[in-house]
N, C-alpha and C. Protein backbone atom coordinates (compact mmCIF):
# COMPACT_ATOMS: atom_id res chain seq x y z
N MET A 1 41.28 32.49 98.12
CA MET A 1 41.14 31.79 99.39
C MET A 1 41.40 32.76 100.54
N SER A 2 40.59 32.69 101.57
CA SER A 2 40.70 33.58 102.71
C SER A 2 41.87 33.18 103.60
N THR A 3 42.53 34.18 104.18
CA THR A 3 43.63 33.91 105.11
C THR A 3 43.15 33.86 106.55
N ALA A 4 41.84 34.10 106.77
CA ALA A 4 41.29 34.09 108.12
C ALA A 4 41.27 32.67 108.66
N ASN A 5 41.52 32.56 109.96
CA ASN A 5 41.45 31.23 110.57
C ASN A 5 39.98 30.84 110.75
N PRO A 6 39.71 29.58 111.03
CA PRO A 6 38.30 29.12 111.13
C PRO A 6 37.49 29.90 112.17
N HIS A 7 38.10 30.26 113.27
CA HIS A 7 37.40 31.01 114.31
C HIS A 7 36.96 32.38 113.76
N GLN A 8 37.86 33.06 113.10
CA GLN A 8 37.52 34.37 112.52
C GLN A 8 36.43 34.23 111.46
N GLU A 9 36.48 33.17 110.70
CA GLU A 9 35.48 32.94 109.67
C GLU A 9 34.11 32.70 110.30
N ASN A 10 34.06 31.95 111.39
CA ASN A 10 32.80 31.72 112.11
C ASN A 10 32.23 33.04 112.62
N ILE A 11 33.09 33.89 113.16
CA ILE A 11 32.65 35.18 113.67
C ILE A 11 32.10 36.04 112.53
N ARG A 12 32.79 36.06 111.40
CA ARG A 12 32.34 36.84 110.25
C ARG A 12 30.96 36.38 109.78
N ARG A 13 30.77 35.05 109.69
CA ARG A 13 29.47 34.53 109.25
C ARG A 13 28.37 34.86 110.27
N TYR A 14 28.69 34.73 111.54
CA TYR A 14 27.73 35.06 112.59
C TYR A 14 27.30 36.52 112.49
N ARG A 15 28.27 37.40 112.33
CA ARG A 15 27.96 38.83 112.21
C ARG A 15 27.11 39.11 110.98
N GLU A 16 27.41 38.44 109.88
CA GLU A 16 26.60 38.62 108.67
C GLU A 16 25.16 38.16 108.89
N ARG A 17 25.00 37.01 109.57
CA ARG A 17 23.64 36.51 109.85
C ARG A 17 22.87 37.49 110.74
N MET A 18 23.53 37.99 111.77
CA MET A 18 22.86 38.92 112.67
C MET A 18 22.50 40.22 111.95
N GLN A 19 23.41 40.70 111.12
CA GLN A 19 23.13 41.91 110.35
C GLN A 19 21.94 41.69 109.42
N ALA A 20 21.87 40.53 108.80
CA ALA A 20 20.76 40.21 107.90
C ALA A 20 19.43 40.18 108.65
N LYS A 21 19.48 39.88 109.95
CA LYS A 21 18.27 39.86 110.78
C LYS A 21 17.91 41.25 111.30
N GLY A 22 18.73 42.25 110.96
CA GLY A 22 18.43 43.62 111.38
C GLY A 22 19.11 44.05 112.66
N PHE A 23 20.08 43.28 113.13
CA PHE A 23 20.81 43.66 114.34
C PHE A 23 22.05 44.45 113.98
N ARG A 24 22.51 45.25 114.95
CA ARG A 24 23.70 46.05 114.77
C ARG A 24 24.64 45.74 115.93
N ALA A 25 25.90 45.54 115.64
CA ALA A 25 26.89 45.24 116.68
C ALA A 25 27.25 46.52 117.43
N ILE A 26 27.35 46.39 118.75
CA ILE A 26 27.84 47.49 119.59
C ILE A 26 28.84 46.92 120.58
N GLN A 27 29.64 47.78 121.14
CA GLN A 27 30.59 47.37 122.17
C GLN A 27 30.26 48.13 123.44
N LEU A 28 30.17 47.44 124.54
CA LEU A 28 29.86 48.06 125.82
C LEU A 28 31.05 47.91 126.77
N TRP A 29 31.36 48.98 127.45
CA TRP A 29 32.36 48.93 128.50
C TRP A 29 31.62 49.08 129.82
N VAL A 30 31.85 48.17 130.71
CA VAL A 30 31.17 48.17 132.01
C VAL A 30 32.21 48.12 133.12
N PRO A 31 31.84 48.55 134.32
CA PRO A 31 32.81 48.47 135.43
C PRO A 31 33.26 47.04 135.66
N ASP A 32 34.52 46.90 136.02
CA ASP A 32 35.08 45.58 136.34
C ASP A 32 34.70 45.26 137.78
N THR A 33 33.69 44.42 137.94
CA THR A 33 33.19 44.10 139.28
C THR A 33 34.18 43.29 140.10
N ARG A 34 35.27 42.85 139.50
CA ARG A 34 36.30 42.09 140.23
C ARG A 34 37.35 42.99 140.85
N SER A 35 37.35 44.27 140.50
CA SER A 35 38.42 45.17 140.97
C SER A 35 38.16 45.63 142.40
N PRO A 36 39.22 45.84 143.16
CA PRO A 36 39.05 46.37 144.52
C PRO A 36 38.40 47.76 144.52
N GLU A 37 38.70 48.54 143.49
CA GLU A 37 38.12 49.88 143.41
C GLU A 37 36.60 49.82 143.29
N PHE A 38 36.10 48.83 142.56
CA PHE A 38 34.65 48.67 142.41
C PHE A 38 34.03 48.38 143.77
N ALA A 39 34.62 47.46 144.51
CA ALA A 39 34.10 47.11 145.83
C ALA A 39 34.13 48.31 146.76
N GLU A 40 35.19 49.08 146.71
CA GLU A 40 35.30 50.27 147.55
C GLU A 40 34.22 51.29 147.21
N GLU A 41 33.97 51.48 145.91
CA GLU A 41 32.96 52.44 145.50
C GLU A 41 31.56 51.97 145.90
N CYS A 42 31.31 50.68 145.81
CA CYS A 42 30.01 50.13 146.26
C CYS A 42 29.81 50.39 147.74
N ARG A 43 30.85 50.15 148.50
CA ARG A 43 30.76 50.39 149.94
C ARG A 43 30.54 51.87 150.23
N ARG A 44 31.27 52.74 149.55
CA ARG A 44 31.13 54.18 149.76
C ARG A 44 29.69 54.63 149.49
N GLN A 45 29.14 54.17 148.36
CA GLN A 45 27.78 54.58 148.02
C GLN A 45 26.75 53.98 148.97
N SER A 46 26.98 52.76 149.40
CA SER A 46 26.06 52.13 150.35
C SER A 46 26.02 52.89 151.66
N LEU A 47 27.20 53.33 152.13
CA LEU A 47 27.25 54.09 153.37
C LEU A 47 26.55 55.43 153.22
N LEU A 48 26.67 56.06 152.06
CA LEU A 48 25.96 57.32 151.82
C LEU A 48 24.46 57.12 151.93
N VAL A 49 23.96 56.07 151.32
CA VAL A 49 22.53 55.78 151.35
C VAL A 49 22.09 55.43 152.76
N ALA A 50 22.88 54.64 153.45
CA ALA A 50 22.51 54.18 154.79
C ALA A 50 22.44 55.34 155.78
N ASN A 51 23.20 56.40 155.54
CA ASN A 51 23.26 57.51 156.49
C ASN A 51 22.42 58.72 156.08
N ASP A 52 21.58 58.57 155.07
CA ASP A 52 20.77 59.70 154.59
C ASP A 52 19.30 59.29 154.58
N PRO A 53 18.50 59.87 155.48
CA PRO A 53 17.08 59.49 155.55
C PRO A 53 16.34 59.67 154.23
N ALA A 54 16.67 60.71 153.47
CA ALA A 54 16.00 60.94 152.19
C ALA A 54 16.33 59.81 151.22
N GLU A 55 17.58 59.39 151.22
CA GLU A 55 17.99 58.27 150.36
C GLU A 55 17.30 56.99 150.79
N GLN A 56 17.15 56.80 152.10
CA GLN A 56 16.46 55.62 152.61
C GLN A 56 15.02 55.59 152.12
N ARG A 57 14.33 56.74 152.17
CA ARG A 57 12.95 56.81 151.70
C ARG A 57 12.89 56.50 150.20
N LEU A 58 13.85 57.03 149.45
CA LEU A 58 13.88 56.76 148.02
C LEU A 58 14.07 55.27 147.76
N MET A 59 14.98 54.65 148.46
CA MET A 59 15.22 53.22 148.27
C MET A 59 13.98 52.40 148.63
N GLU A 60 13.29 52.79 149.69
CA GLU A 60 12.07 52.10 150.08
C GLU A 60 10.99 52.25 149.01
N GLU A 61 10.88 53.45 148.43
CA GLU A 61 9.90 53.68 147.38
C GLU A 61 10.25 52.86 146.13
N LEU A 62 11.52 52.83 145.78
CA LEU A 62 11.93 52.03 144.61
C LEU A 62 11.66 50.55 144.85
N GLU A 63 11.89 50.09 146.07
CA GLU A 63 11.61 48.69 146.39
C GLU A 63 10.12 48.41 146.27
N ARG A 64 9.30 49.36 146.72
CA ARG A 64 7.85 49.20 146.63
C ARG A 64 7.39 49.11 145.17
N LEU A 65 8.06 49.86 144.31
CA LEU A 65 7.68 49.90 142.90
C LEU A 65 8.30 48.77 142.09
N GLN A 66 9.11 47.95 142.72
CA GLN A 66 9.83 46.89 142.01
C GLN A 66 8.86 45.99 141.27
N ASP A 67 9.23 45.71 140.03
CA ASP A 67 8.43 44.81 139.20
C ASP A 67 8.80 43.37 139.53
N ASP A 68 7.87 42.67 140.16
CA ASP A 68 8.14 41.28 140.54
C ASP A 68 7.27 40.32 139.75
N THR A 69 6.94 40.70 138.53
CA THR A 69 6.08 39.85 137.71
C THR A 69 6.83 38.68 137.10
N GLY A 70 8.14 38.66 137.25
CA GLY A 70 8.91 37.53 136.76
C GLY A 70 9.25 37.57 135.28
N TRP A 71 9.21 38.74 134.67
CA TRP A 71 9.47 38.82 133.23
C TRP A 71 10.90 38.44 132.88
N THR A 72 11.81 38.48 133.84
CA THR A 72 13.20 38.12 133.55
C THR A 72 13.46 36.63 133.73
N ALA A 73 12.52 35.94 134.30
CA ALA A 73 12.73 34.52 134.57
C ALA A 73 12.67 33.68 133.31
């Protein structure tokens, strides 16, 4: 008999099903968008872009190339 609690057992079965479908588990670490440091860094980078004409042209070009076909909808 397994000593795992029901939640752990559900996770184990889910992982087995996903593995059987050909998926592989990965772990991603992403910036914490709730932290004050994140907000400060966003502001710092925004000011850099806003004050650099070359960056402005790049942003305009990226906006022009934006895919608006709705594939994410």
